[in-house]
Amino acid sequence: MDWREQIVVDAGRQGGQPCMRGTRIPVYVILDNLADGESEESILAEYPTLTHTHIRAALAFAAEIAHDRIVPIPA
């Protein structure tokens, strides 16, 4: 999936945070909810402007960042 079709960054929207296209919902909201164990269905119910495609794009975005960044993890 090409997440670039679903995620936009606009300095005037949500402080320049990456957001889902057509919404004001930052990508981190989806990722935080998934990390907390929320299901796709519950996220979509809570944020009706989101779609399954948005959720897949958020995961693809996070995966690409994980490839490109080194995050120190304490031993």
PDB file of N, CA and C in Angstrom:
ATOM      1  N   MET A   1       0.838  -1.185   0.000  1.00  0.00           N
ATOM      2  CA  MET A   1       0.000   0.000   0.000  1.00  0.00           C
ATOM      3  C   MET A   1       0.881   1.246   0.000  1.00  0.00           C
ATOM      4  N   ASP A   2       0.500   2.217  -0.790  1.00  0.00           N
ATOM      5  CA  ASP A   2       1.209   3.494  -0.788  1.00  0.00           C
ATOM      6  C   ASP A   2       0.484   4.434   0.167  1.00  0.00           C
ATOM      7  N   TRP A   3       1.012   4.554   1.379  1.00  0.00           N
ATOM      8  CA  TRP A   3       0.380   5.372   2.409  1.00  0.00           C
ATOM      9  C   TRP A   3       0.296   6.837   1.999  1.00  0.00           C
ATOM     10  N   ARG A   4       1.141   7.270   1.068  1.00  0.00           N
ATOM     11  CA  ARG A   4       1.165   8.681   0.651  1.00  0.00           C
ATOM     12  C   ARG A   4      -0.154   9.137   0.029  1.00  0.00           C
ATOM     13  N   GLU A   5      -0.941   8.197  -0.444  1.00  0.00           N
ATOM     14  CA  GLU A   5      -2.244   8.544  -1.013  1.00  0.00           C
ATOM     15  C   GLU A   5      -3.263   8.868   0.074  1.00  0.00           C
ATOM     16  N   GLN A   6      -3.005   8.446   1.304  1.00  0.00           N
ATOM     17  CA  GLN A   6      -3.968   8.595   2.389  1.00  0.00           C
ATOM     18  C   GLN A   6      -3.533   9.538   3.503  1.00  0.00           C
ATOM     19  N   ILE A   7      -2.244   9.885   3.545  1.00  0.00           N
ATOM     20  CA  ILE A   7      -1.720  10.694   4.649  1.00  0.00           C
ATOM     21  C   ILE A   7      -1.171  12.001   4.107  1.00  0.00           C
ATOM     22  N   VAL A   8      -1.544  13.095   4.767  1.00  0.00           N
ATOM     23  CA  VAL A   8      -1.094  14.418   4.351  1.00  0.00           C
ATOM     24  C   VAL A   8      -0.504  15.158   5.548  1.00  0.00           C
ATOM     25  N   VAL A   9       0.394  16.090   5.248  1.00  0.00           N
ATOM     26  CA  VAL A   9       0.953  16.974   6.275  1.00  0.00           C
ATOM     27  C   VAL A   9       0.692  18.393   5.814  1.00  0.00           C
ATOM     28  N   ASP A  10       0.006  19.143   6.669  1.00  0.00           N
ATOM     29  CA  ASP A  10      -0.333  20.527   6.373  1.00  0.00           C
ATOM     30  C   ASP A  10       0.009  21.340   7.621  1.00  0.00           C
ATOM     31  N   ALA A  11       0.931  22.288   7.487  1.00  0.00           N
ATOM     32  CA  ALA A  11       1.384  23.072   8.639  1.00  0.00           C
ATOM     33  C   ALA A  11       0.222  23.770   9.347  1.00  0.00           C
ATOM     34  N   GLY A  12      -0.861  24.048   8.643  1.00  0.00           N
ATOM     35  CA  GLY A  12      -2.000  24.731   9.228  1.00  0.00           C
ATOM     36  C   GLY A  12      -3.041  23.806   9.838  1.00  0.00           C
ATOM     37  N   ARG A  13      -2.772  22.529   9.821  1.00  0.00           N
ATOM     38  CA  ARG A  13      -3.740  21.559  10.341  1.00  0.00           C
ATOM     39  C   ARG A  13      -3.070  20.661  11.366  1.00  0.00           C
ATOM     40  N   GLN A  14      -3.619  20.608  12.544  1.00  0.00           N
ATOM     41  CA  GLN A  14      -3.123  19.746  13.619  1.00  0.00           C
ATOM     42  C   GLN A  14      -1.628  19.942  13.885  1.00  0.00           C
ATOM     43  N   GLY A  15      -1.194  21.182  13.787  1.00  0.00           N
ATOM     44  CA  GLY A  15       0.196  21.502  14.108  1.00  0.00           C
ATOM     45  C   GLY A  15       1.214  20.848  13.195  1.00  0.00           C
ATOM     46  N   GLY A  16       0.803  20.515  11.987  1.00  0.00           N
ATOM     47  CA  GLY A  16       1.725  19.898  11.037  1.00  0.00           C
ATOM     48  C   GLY A  16       1.901  18.402  11.230  1.00  0.00           C
ATOM     49  N   GLN A  17       1.093  17.791  12.108  1.00  0.00           N
ATOM     50  CA  GLN A  17       1.157  16.343  12.309  1.00  0.00           C
ATOM     51  C   GLN A  17       0.625  15.631  11.063  1.00  0.00           C
ATOM     52  N   PRO A  18       1.192  14.475  10.716  1.00  0.00           N
ATOM     53  CA  PRO A  18       0.615  13.688   9.616  1.00  0.00           C
ATOM     54  C   PRO A  18      -0.826  13.303   9.973  1.00  0.00           C
ATOM     55  N   CYS A  19      -1.747  13.595   9.066  1.00  0.00           N
ATOM     56  CA  CYS A  19      -3.166  13.306   9.275  1.00  0.00           C
ATOM     57  C   CYS A  19      -3.716  12.485   8.119  1.00  0.00           C
ATOM     58  N   MET A  20      -4.821  11.831   8.391  1.00  0.00           N
ATOM     59  CA  MET A  20      -5.475  11.053   7.354  1.00  0.00           C
ATOM     60  C   MET A  20      -6.180  12.004   6.395  1.00  0.00           C
ATOM     61  N   ARG A  21      -5.973  11.781   5.113  1.00  0.00           N
ATOM     62  CA  ARG A  21      -6.566  12.645   4.083  1.00  0.00           C
ATOM     63  C   ARG A  21      -8.080  12.718   4.264  1.00  0.00           C
ATOM     64  N   GLY A  22      -8.610  13.932   4.167  1.00  0.00           N
ATOM     65  CA  GLY A  22     -10.046  14.139   4.278  1.00  0.00           C
ATOM     66  C   GLY A  22     -10.550  14.205   5.707  1.00  0.00           C
ATOM     67  N   THR A  23      -9.620  14.166   6.681  1.00  0.00           N
ATOM     68  CA  THR A  23     -10.003  14.239   8.093  1.00  0.00           C
ATOM     69  C   THR A  23      -9.038  15.175   8.814  1.00  0.00           C
ATOM     70  N   ARG A  24      -9.300  15.393  10.086  1.00  0.00           N
ATOM     71  CA  ARG A  24      -8.365  16.111  10.945  1.00  0.00           C
ATOM     72  C   ARG A  24      -7.757  15.151  11.960  1.00  0.00           C
ATOM     73  N   ILE A  25      -7.801  13.869  11.645  1.00  0.00           N
ATOM     74  CA  ILE A  25      -7.348  12.835  12.576  1.00  0.00           C
ATOM     75  C   ILE A  25      -5.876  12.511  12.315  1.00  0.00           C
ATOM     76  N   PRO A  26      -5.023  12.776  13.309  1.00  0.00           N
ATOM     77  CA  PRO A  26      -3.605  12.464  13.150  1.00  0.00           C
ATOM     78  C   PRO A  26      -3.368  10.949  13.087  1.00  0.00           C
ATOM     79  N   VAL A  27      -2.344  10.566  12.371  1.00  0.00           N
ATOM     80  CA  VAL A  27      -1.983   9.160  12.237  1.00  0.00           C
ATOM     81  C   VAL A  27      -1.758   8.535  13.609  1.00  0.00           C
ATOM     82  N   TYR A  28      -1.141   9.288  14.531  1.00  0.00           N
ATOM     83  CA  TYR A  28      -0.825   8.702  15.832  1.00  0.00           C
ATOM     84  C   TYR A  28      -2.075   8.272  16.598  1.00  0.00           C
ATOM     85  N   VAL A  29      -3.219   8.886  16.320  1.00  0.00           N
ATOM     86  CA  VAL A  29      -4.451   8.485  17.003  1.00  0.00           C
ATOM     87  C   VAL A  29      -4.797   7.037  16.645  1.00  0.00           C
ATOM     88  N   ILE A  30      -4.680   6.710  15.371  1.00  0.00           N
ATOM     89  CA  ILE A  30      -4.952   5.336  14.933  1.00  0.00           C
ATOM     90  C   ILE A  30      -3.935   4.382  15.541  1.00  0.00           C
ATOM     91  N   LEU A  31      -2.661   4.739  15.461  1.00  0.00           N
ATOM     92  CA  LEU A  31      -1.613   3.859  15.968  1.00  0.00           C
ATOM     93  C   LEU A  31      -1.719   3.661  17.473  1.00  0.00           C
ATOM     94  N   ASP A  32      -2.004   4.740  18.213  1.00  0.00           N
ATOM     95  CA  ASP A  32      -2.179   4.623  19.662  1.00  0.00           C
ATOM     96  C   ASP A  32      -3.331   3.688  20.004  1.00  0.00           C
ATOM     97  N   ASN A  33      -4.433   3.827  19.287  1.00  0.00           N
ATOM     98  CA  ASN A  33      -5.586   2.969  19.547  1.00  0.00           C
ATOM     99  C   ASN A  33      -5.284   1.506  19.238  1.00  0.00           C
ATOM    100  N   LEU A  34      -4.612   1.253  18.124  1.00  0.00           N
ATOM    101  CA  LEU A  34      -4.237  -0.128  17.794  1.00  0.00           C
ATOM    102  C   LEU A  34      -3.281  -0.682  18.841  1.00  0.00           C
ATOM    103  N   ALA A  35      -2.322   0.120  19.272  1.00  0.00           N
ATOM    104  CA  ALA A  35      -1.353  -0.319  20.281  1.00  0.00           C
ATOM    105  C   ALA A  35      -2.036  -0.620  21.612  1.00  0.00           C
ATOM    106  N   ASP A  36      -3.139   0.073  21.897  1.00  0.00           N
ATOM    107  CA  ASP A  36      -3.891  -0.163  23.126  1.00  0.00           C
ATOM    108  C   ASP A  36      -4.834  -1.363  23.016  1.00  0.00           C
ATOM    109  N   GLY A  37      -4.820  -2.030  21.858  1.00  0.00           N
ATOM    110  CA  GLY A  37      -5.641  -3.236  21.695  1.00  0.00           C
ATOM    111  C   GLY A  37      -7.010  -3.013  21.101  1.00  0.00           C
ATOM    112  N   GLU A  38      -7.278  -1.782  20.667  1.00  0.00           N
ATOM    113  CA  GLU A  38      -8.578  -1.505  20.043  1.00  0.00           C
ATOM    114  C   GLU A  38      -8.657  -2.216  18.690  1.00  0.00           C
ATOM    115  N   SER A  39      -9.839  -2.676  18.361  1.00  0.00           N
ATOM    116  CA  SER A  39     -10.041  -3.317  17.062  1.00  0.00           C
ATOM    117  C   SER A  39     -10.267  -2.258  15.989  1.00  0.00           C
ATOM    118  N   GLU A  40     -10.077  -2.671  14.747  1.00  0.00           N
ATOM    119  CA  GLU A  40     -10.351  -1.757  13.631  1.00  0.00           C
ATOM    120  C   GLU A  40     -11.793  -1.267  13.696  1.00  0.00           C
ATOM    121  N   GLU A  41     -12.689  -2.193  13.980  1.00  0.00           N
ATOM    122  CA  GLU A  41     -14.115  -1.853  14.006  1.00  0.00           C
ATOM    123  C   GLU A  41     -14.418  -0.807  15.081  1.00  0.00           C
ATOM    124  N   SER A  42     -13.796  -0.937  16.255  1.00  0.00           N
ATOM    125  CA  SER A  42     -14.081   0.041  17.314  1.00  0.00           C
ATOM    126  C   SER A  42     -13.483   1.411  16.965  1.00  0.00           C
ATOM    127  N   ILE A  43     -12.335   1.419  16.309  1.00  0.00           N
ATOM    128  CA  ILE A  43     -11.734   2.687  15.874  1.00  0.00           C
ATOM    129  C   ILE A  43     -12.630   3.356  14.834  1.00  0.00           C
ATOM    130  N   LEU A  44     -13.110   2.575  13.883  1.00  0.00           N
ATOM    131  CA  LEU A  44     -13.980   3.126  12.845  1.00  0.00           C
ATOM    132  C   LEU A  44     -15.296   3.641  13.445  1.00  0.00           C
ATOM    133  N   ALA A  45     -15.790   2.978  14.477  1.00  0.00           N
ATOM    134  CA  ALA A  45     -17.020   3.431  15.129  1.00  0.00           C
ATOM    135  C   ALA A  45     -16.776   4.737  15.892  1.00  0.00           C
ATOM    136  N   GLU A  46     -15.602   4.861  16.508  1.00  0.00           N
ATOM    137  CA  GLU A  46     -15.264   6.060  17.283  1.00  0.00           C
ATOM    138  C   GLU A  46     -14.964   7.260  16.367  1.00  0.00           C
ATOM    139  N   TYR A  47     -14.394   6.981  15.206  1.00  0.00           N
ATOM    140  CA  TYR A  47     -14.003   8.032  14.250  1.00  0.00           C
ATOM    141  C   TYR A  47     -14.649   7.722  12.902  1.00  0.00           C
ATOM    142  N   PRO A  48     -15.911   8.099  12.714  1.00  0.00           N
ATOM    143  CA  PRO A  48     -16.654   7.701  11.513  1.00  0.00           C
ATOM    144  C   PRO A  48     -16.095   8.228  10.190  1.00  0.00           C
ATOM    145  N   THR A  49     -15.217   9.231  10.232  1.00  0.00           N
ATOM    146  CA  THR A  49     -14.642   9.717   8.967  1.00  0.00           C
ATOM    147  C   THR A  49     -13.498   8.830   8.489  1.00  0.00           C
ATOM    148  N   LEU A  50     -13.045   7.910   9.335  1.00  0.00           N
ATOM    149  CA  LEU A  50     -11.977   6.995   8.929  1.00  0.00           C
ATOM    150  C   LEU A  50     -12.532   5.806   8.155  1.00  0.00           C
ATOM    151  N   THR A  51     -11.637   5.195   7.369  1.00  0.00           N
ATOM    152  CA  THR A  51     -11.978   3.985   6.616  1.00  0.00           C
ATOM    153  C   THR A  51     -10.934   2.910   6.922  1.00  0.00           C
ATOM    154  N   HIS A  52     -11.233   1.690   6.493  1.00  0.00           N
ATOM    155  CA  HIS A  52     -10.250   0.603   6.636  1.00  0.00           C
ATOM    156  C   HIS A  52      -8.950   0.967   5.902  1.00  0.00           C
ATOM    157  N   THR A  53      -9.084   1.655   4.789  1.00  0.00           N
ATOM    158  CA  THR A  53      -7.900   2.071   4.029  1.00  0.00           C
ATOM    159  C   THR A  53      -7.034   3.019   4.843  1.00  0.00           C
ATOM    160  N   HIS A  54      -7.648   3.927   5.589  1.00  0.00           N
ATOM    161  CA  HIS A  54      -6.888   4.832   6.454  1.00  0.00           C
ATOM    162  C   HIS A  54      -6.081   4.039   7.483  1.00  0.00           C
ATOM    163  N   ILE A  55      -6.693   3.038   8.067  1.00  0.00           N
ATOM    164  CA  ILE A  55      -6.002   2.257   9.094  1.00  0.00           C
ATOM    165  C   ILE A  55      -4.825   1.495   8.493  1.00  0.00           C
ATOM    166  N   ARG A  56      -5.012   0.899   7.337  1.00  0.00           N
ATOM    167  CA  ARG A  56      -3.899   0.201   6.668  1.00  0.00           C
ATOM    168  C   ARG A  56      -2.790   1.178   6.305  1.00  0.00           C
ATOM    169  N   ALA A  57      -3.168   2.382   5.882  1.00  0.00           N
ATOM    170  CA  ALA A  57      -2.169   3.398   5.535  1.00  0.00           C
ATOM    171  C   ALA A  57      -1.376   3.828   6.768  1.00  0.00           C
ATOM    172  N   ALA A  58      -2.050   3.974   7.900  1.00  0.00           N
ATOM    173  CA  ALA A  58      -1.352   4.344   9.139  1.00  0.00           C
ATOM    174  C   ALA A  58      -0.330   3.272   9.509  1.00  0.00           C
ATOM    175  N   LEU A  59      -0.700   2.011   9.361  1.00  0.00           N
ATOM    176  CA  LEU A  59       0.237   0.922   9.656  1.00  0.00           C
ATOM    177  C   LEU A  59       1.406   0.910   8.672  1.00  0.00           C
ATOM    178  N   ALA A  60       1.131   1.154   7.404  1.00  0.00           N
ATOM    179  CA  ALA A  60       2.200   1.197   6.404  1.00  0.00           C
ATOM    180  C   ALA A  60       3.144   2.362   6.678  1.00  0.00           C
ATOM    181  N   PHE A  61       2.603   3.490   7.078  1.00  0.00           N
ATOM    182  CA  PHE A  61       3.397   4.664   7.433  1.00  0.00           C
ATOM    183  C   PHE A  61       4.327   4.332   8.605  1.00  0.00           C
ATOM    184  N   ALA A  62       3.767   3.716   9.651  1.00  0.00           N
ATOM    185  CA  ALA A  62       4.565   3.345  10.828  1.00  0.00           C
ATOM    186  C   ALA A  62       5.646   2.340  10.464  1.00  0.00           C
ATOM    187  N   ALA A  63       5.320   1.392   9.600  1.00  0.00           N
ATOM    188  CA  ALA A  63       6.304   0.393   9.184  1.00  0.00           C
ATOM    189  C   ALA A  63       7.461   1.052   8.438  1.00  0.00           C
ATOM    190  N   GLU A  64       7.146   1.995   7.564  1.00  0.00           N
ATOM    191  CA  GLU A  64       8.217   2.675   6.825  1.00  0.00           C
ATOM    192  C   GLU A  64       9.108   3.480   7.766  1.00  0.00           C
ATOM    193  N   ILE A  65       8.495   4.170   8.713  1.00  0.00           N
ATOM    194  CA  ILE A  65       9.284   4.926   9.681  1.00  0.00           C
ATOM    195  C   ILE A  65      10.183   3.994  10.491  1.00  0.00           C
ATOM    196  N   ALA A  66       9.657   2.836  10.864  1.00  0.00           N
ATOM    197  CA  ALA A  66      10.443   1.875  11.648  1.00  0.00           C
ATOM    198  C   ALA A  66      11.662   1.393  10.863  1.00  0.00           C
ATOM    199  N   HIS A  67      11.556   1.333   9.562  1.00  0.00           N
ATOM    200  CA  HIS A  67      12.706   0.948   8.728  1.00  0.00           C
ATOM    201  C   HIS A  67      13.744   2.054   8.670  1.00  0.00           C
ATOM    202  N   ASP A  68      13.276   3.296   8.703  1.00  0.00           N
ATOM    203  CA  ASP A  68      14.156   4.432   8.473  1.00  0.00           C
ATOM    204  C   ASP A  68      14.761   5.038   9.723  1.00  0.00           C
ATOM    205  N   ARG A  69      14.223   4.736  10.887  1.00  0.00           N
ATOM    206  CA  ARG A  69      14.699   5.369  12.118  1.00  0.00           C
ATOM    207  C   ARG A  69      15.253   4.331  13.073  1.00  0.00           C
ATOM    208  N   ILE A  70      16.228   4.757  13.791  1.00  0.00           N
ATOM    209  CA  ILE A  70      16.770   3.920  14.867  1.00  0.00           C
ATOM    210  C   ILE A  70      16.339   4.546  16.180  1.00  0.00           C
ATOM    211  N   VAL A  71      15.597   3.796  16.949  1.00  0.00           N
ATOM    212  CA  VAL A  71      15.104   4.271  18.231  1.00  0.00           C
ATOM    213  C   VAL A  71      15.845   3.520  19.320  1.00  0.00           C
ATOM    214  N   PRO A  72      16.586   4.224  20.180  1.00  0.00           N
ATOM    215  CA  PRO A  72      17.307   3.521  21.227  1.00  0.00           C
ATOM    216  C   PRO A  72      16.337   2.843  22.203  1.00  0.00           C
ATOM    217  N   ILE A  73      16.599   1.586  22.471  1.00  0.00           N
ATOM    218  CA  ILE A  73      15.776   0.825  23.410  1.00  0.00           C
ATOM    219  C   ILE A  73      16.694   0.370  24.532  1.00  0.00           C
ATOM    220  N   PRO A  74      16.375   0.768  25.776  1.00  0.00           N
ATOM    221  CA  PRO A  74      17.234   0.375  26.889  1.00  0.00           C
ATOM    222  C   PRO A  74      17.266  -1.145  27.042  1.00  0.00           C
ATOM    223  N   ALA A  75      18.439  -1.644  27.410  1.00  0.00           N
ATOM    224  CA  ALA A  75      18.599  -3.097  27.572  1.00  0.00           C
ATOM    225  C   ALA A  75      17.968  -3.570  28.850  1.00  0.00           C
TER     226      ALA A  75
END
